[in-house]
Amino acid sequence: MTLIVVIVGVLGLALTFWNGANWYLFQSGYRYNSEFLGKRYECSLRFVNAEHNNLCFMGADGAALYLLAHPNGKGSWWRYGVVGFKKNLQIPWSDVECRPKTVLFKECMWFEIPARKIYFYIPREIGDKLLIDAGRKIGTAQVGLSENSEATAAHTFQS
């Protein structure tokens, strides 16, 4: 029994370390130190591995998606480790996959950054506005059955 507790503790510590390192690399890799001049929308963003929403501003242009820190979204000291981003981020569209999705009975826009294993979602209406601001529209294509896959709807960007 003690061995199981030790193994679970070590696994928990390893996952916590991996998540922190992944988060640090995400923030440092996409840090944006300039002023975003486009339209911005205040919204509640939810990272999949977080236990709460993050208040932020988001914007988009033809080159990138912008996650902009909200002055009131810093959180309190006890949530410091899981508050989310505190710096402005610029994520090139080439790194982002996006699709409409229902999460907990809410219509959302789901964003993935596969190379960093980062997943988050925002309200659908704000996601649609961001895609319009970026000059992108979503087209739907049905992916057929193959030996190793299920039938799913794939959403691709069209410029």
Protein backbone atom coordinates (compact mmCIF):
# COMPACT_ATOMS: atom_id res chain seq x y z
CA MET A 1 0.00 0.00 0.00
CA THR A 2 2.81 2.42 0.85
CA LEU A 3 4.48 1.65 -2.47
CA ILE A 4 1.29 2.59 -4.34
CA VAL A 5 1.05 5.91 -2.47
CA VAL A 6 4.69 6.69 -3.30
CA ILE A 7 4.20 5.81 -6.99
CA VAL A 8 1.06 7.94 -7.24
CA GLY A 9 2.87 10.82 -5.50
CA VAL A 10 5.85 10.59 -7.86
CA LEU A 11 3.55 10.45 -10.91
CA GLY A 12 1.62 13.47 -9.63
CA LEU A 13 4.83 15.41 -9.10
CA ALA A 14 6.11 14.45 -12.57
CA LEU A 15 2.84 15.56 -14.23
CA THR A 16 2.91 18.85 -12.32
CA PHE A 17 6.49 19.48 -13.41
CA TRP A 18 5.68 18.60 -17.04
CA ASN A 19 2.65 20.92 -17.03
CA GLY A 20 4.69 23.80 -15.57
CA ALA A 21 7.50 23.32 -18.08
CA ASN A 22 5.01 23.07 -20.96
CA TRP A 23 3.30 26.26 -19.79
CA TYR A 24 6.61 28.13 -19.46
CA LEU A 25 7.68 27.11 -22.97
CA PHE A 26 4.26 28.14 -24.32
CA GLN A 27 4.47 31.62 -22.78
CA SER A 28 8.11 32.20 -23.67
CA GLY A 29 7.72 30.88 -27.23
CA TYR A 30 4.76 33.12 -28.11
CA ARG A 31 5.51 36.21 -26.00
CA TYR A 32 4.35 39.44 -27.64
CA ASN A 33 5.95 42.67 -26.46
CA SER A 34 4.28 45.13 -28.83
CA GLU A 35 0.90 46.84 -28.70
CA PHE A 36 -1.93 45.06 -30.51
CA LEU A 37 -3.68 47.72 -32.62
CA GLY A 38 -6.61 45.69 -33.92
CA LYS A 39 -10.04 45.00 -32.45
CA ARG A 40 -9.96 43.22 -29.13
CA TYR A 41 -12.68 41.36 -27.31
CA GLU A 42 -12.94 40.78 -23.59
CA CYS A 43 -13.75 37.15 -22.91
CA SER A 44 -13.46 34.26 -20.57
CA LEU A 45 -10.92 31.78 -21.90
CA ARG A 46 -10.61 28.27 -20.49
CA PHE A 47 -7.49 26.17 -20.78
CA VAL A 48 -8.33 22.47 -20.70
CA ASN A 49 -5.85 21.71 -17.93
CA ALA A 50 -6.98 24.62 -15.72
CA GLU A 51 -9.64 24.47 -13.05
CA HIS A 52 -11.08 27.89 -13.82
CA ASN A 53 -11.61 30.45 -16.57
CA ASN A 54 -9.16 33.22 -17.39
CA LEU A 55 -10.39 36.74 -18.05
CA CYS A 56 -8.51 38.16 -21.02
CA PHE A 57 -8.70 40.17 -24.19
CA MET A 58 -8.35 38.43 -27.53
CA GLY A 59 -7.66 39.79 -30.97
CA ALA A 60 -6.74 38.50 -34.40
CA ASP A 61 -5.34 39.65 -37.68
CA GLY A 62 -4.27 37.86 -40.84
CA ALA A 63 -0.97 36.77 -39.26
CA ALA A 64 -1.84 35.61 -35.76
CA LEU A 65 -4.19 35.08 -32.85
CA TYR A 66 -3.49 37.36 -29.86
CA LEU A 67 -4.10 36.48 -26.21
CA LEU A 68 -3.81 39.70 -24.26
CA ALA A 69 -3.50 39.77 -20.49
CA HIS A 70 -6.40 41.45 -18.71
CA PRO A 71 -5.49 43.93 -15.95
CA ASN A 72 -8.14 42.36 -13.68
CA GLY A 73 -7.35 38.78 -14.66
CA LYS A 74 -4.24 38.23 -12.56
CA GLY A 75 -5.92 36.11 -9.90
CA SER A 76 -4.98 35.94 -6.27
CA TRP A 77 -1.77 34.62 -4.69
CA TRP A 78 -3.19 31.19 -3.89
CA ARG A 79 -4.02 30.56 -7.56
CA TYR A 80 -0.64 31.79 -8.82
CA GLY A 81 0.42 28.44 -10.28
CA VAL A 82 -2.72 27.95 -12.38
CA VAL A 83 -3.87 31.46 -13.25
CA GLY A 84 -2.97 31.26 -16.91
CA PHE A 85 -1.11 33.75 -18.98
CA LYS A 86 -0.02 37.07 -17.51
CA LYS A 87 1.86 38.21 -20.58
CA ASN A 88 0.58 39.04 -24.04
CA LEU A 89 0.92 36.20 -26.52
CA GLN A 90 0.99 36.16 -30.33
CA ILE A 91 0.28 32.74 -31.85
CA PRO A 92 0.76 32.46 -35.63
CA TRP A 93 -2.19 30.93 -37.47
CA SER A 94 0.17 28.30 -38.86
CA ASP A 95 0.54 26.92 -35.30
CA VAL A 96 -3.19 27.00 -34.45
CA GLU A 97 -5.99 24.58 -35.27
CA CYS A 98 -9.51 25.82 -34.61
CA ARG A 99 -13.03 24.45 -34.82
CA PRO A 100 -16.49 25.02 -33.37
CA LYS A 101 -17.31 22.60 -30.58
CA THR A 102 -19.83 22.10 -27.78
CA VAL A 103 -18.25 21.99 -24.33
CA LEU A 104 -20.46 21.40 -21.30
CA PHE A 105 -23.58 22.28 -23.32
CA LYS A 106 -22.08 25.60 -24.49
CA GLU A 107 -21.21 26.50 -28.05
CA CYS A 108 -17.49 27.29 -28.09
CA MET A 109 -14.60 27.85 -30.44
CA TRP A 110 -11.93 25.24 -29.65
CA PHE A 111 -8.26 26.12 -30.26
CA GLU A 112 -5.38 23.66 -30.32
CA ILE A 113 -1.67 24.22 -30.53
CA PRO A 114 -0.64 20.62 -31.23
CA ALA A 115 3.13 21.18 -31.13
CA ARG A 116 2.86 22.53 -27.56
CA LYS A 117 -0.06 20.33 -26.43
CA ILE A 118 -2.04 23.43 -25.45
CA TYR A 119 -5.84 23.38 -25.76
CA PHE A 120 -8.31 26.13 -24.89
CA TYR A 121 -11.76 27.37 -25.77
CA ILE A 122 -13.72 30.61 -25.79
CA PRO A 123 -17.37 31.52 -26.40
CA ARG A 124 -18.38 30.76 -30.00
CA GLU A 125 -19.57 34.28 -30.82
CA ILE A 126 -16.17 35.75 -29.93
CA GLY A 127 -14.38 33.02 -31.86
CA ASP A 128 -16.45 33.83 -34.93
CA LYS A 129 -15.60 37.55 -34.61
CA LEU A 130 -11.89 36.71 -34.35
CA LEU A 131 -12.02 34.63 -37.53
CA ILE A 132 -13.79 37.46 -39.35
CA ASP A 133 -11.19 39.97 -38.12
CA ALA A 134 -8.43 37.65 -39.33
CA GLY A 135 -10.04 37.40 -42.77
CA ARG A 136 -10.66 33.69 -42.34
CA LYS A 137 -13.83 31.70 -42.71
CA ILE A 138 -14.56 28.16 -41.75
CA GLY A 139 -15.48 25.60 -44.37
CA THR A 140 -16.73 22.16 -43.39
CA ALA A 141 -15.48 19.00 -45.00
CA GLN A 142 -16.55 15.51 -44.06
CA VAL A 143 -13.68 13.11 -43.46
CA GLY A 144 -14.71 9.65 -44.57
CA LEU A 145 -14.18 6.32 -42.88
CA SER A 146 -10.81 4.68 -43.21
CA GLU A 147 -9.39 1.57 -41.61
CA ASN A 148 -7.93 3.43 -38.65
CA SER A 149 -10.25 6.39 -38.18
CA GLU A 150 -13.80 7.34 -37.39
CA ALA A 151 -16.02 9.62 -39.42
CA THR A 152 -15.48 13.15 -38.12
CA ALA A 153 -16.13 16.63 -39.37
CA ALA A 154 -12.93 18.48 -40.10
CA HIS A 155 -12.96 22.22 -40.28
CA THR A 156 -10.33 23.85 -42.42
CA PHE A 157 -9.39 27.48 -42.79
CA GLN A 158 -9.84 29.18 -46.10
CA SER A 159 -8.28 32.56 -46.77
